[in-house]
Amino acid sequence: MTYLKLFWSFFQIGLFSIGGGYAALPLIQEQIVDTHGWLSATEFMDLITIAEMTPGPIAINSATFVGTRIAGVLGAIASTIGVVLPSLIIIFTLSYLYYRFQNLKQIQGILSGLRPAVVALIASAGLSILILAFWGEGKINLQDTNLIAVGITIAALLILRKFKPSPIFVMLGAGVLGMILYLI
């Protein structure tokens, strides 16, 4: 039964997450934290951090991690298949339909209409992570703001915008800086 729950939860995430991993974050959080309580909000934030740093798509990394944590290797397999299967079915179907009807204006209109929804999903996920990083699981209160997290975020954004380095180096630098500052 646990394997079926993991499969079905991640199948829904895979089915409704249009726009990639960042757009899937609100769906993953709703399933993992809110609906099933498999992870706390803080553990979810840690999961997303790890899923971003490891190779591969965020949704697949998240599915594998949660599946392993809840039901071991078979749970990881059930979750990972669940999150990948809808994409495979949809891509094969859409590629056939797109190849067949690519010149229709309605198809171009549908694709143009999906773009704003994807941007909204990504912004929602980013805002949720930002709130968790700055204020934890409590309410937003300026007195409880994690100033170290704010400083590292601002520094990372400035470095990314001004010098345009590889985001991997910025993440590694932020991790090392955070480790040093939080240990002091």
Foldseek 3Di string as FASTA:
>chain_A
DLLVLLLQLLLVLLQPQPDFQLLSQVSCCCSCPPPPNLDHLVVSLVLQLVLVLDDDGSSLSSQLVSLCSPPRRSRSVSNNCSNVVNVVVVVVVVVVVCVVPVVDPVVVVVVVVCVVVSVVSNVVSVVSSVCCQQQNPDDDDPVRGPVLSVVLVVVLVVCCVPVVDDVNVSSVVSVVSVVVVVVD
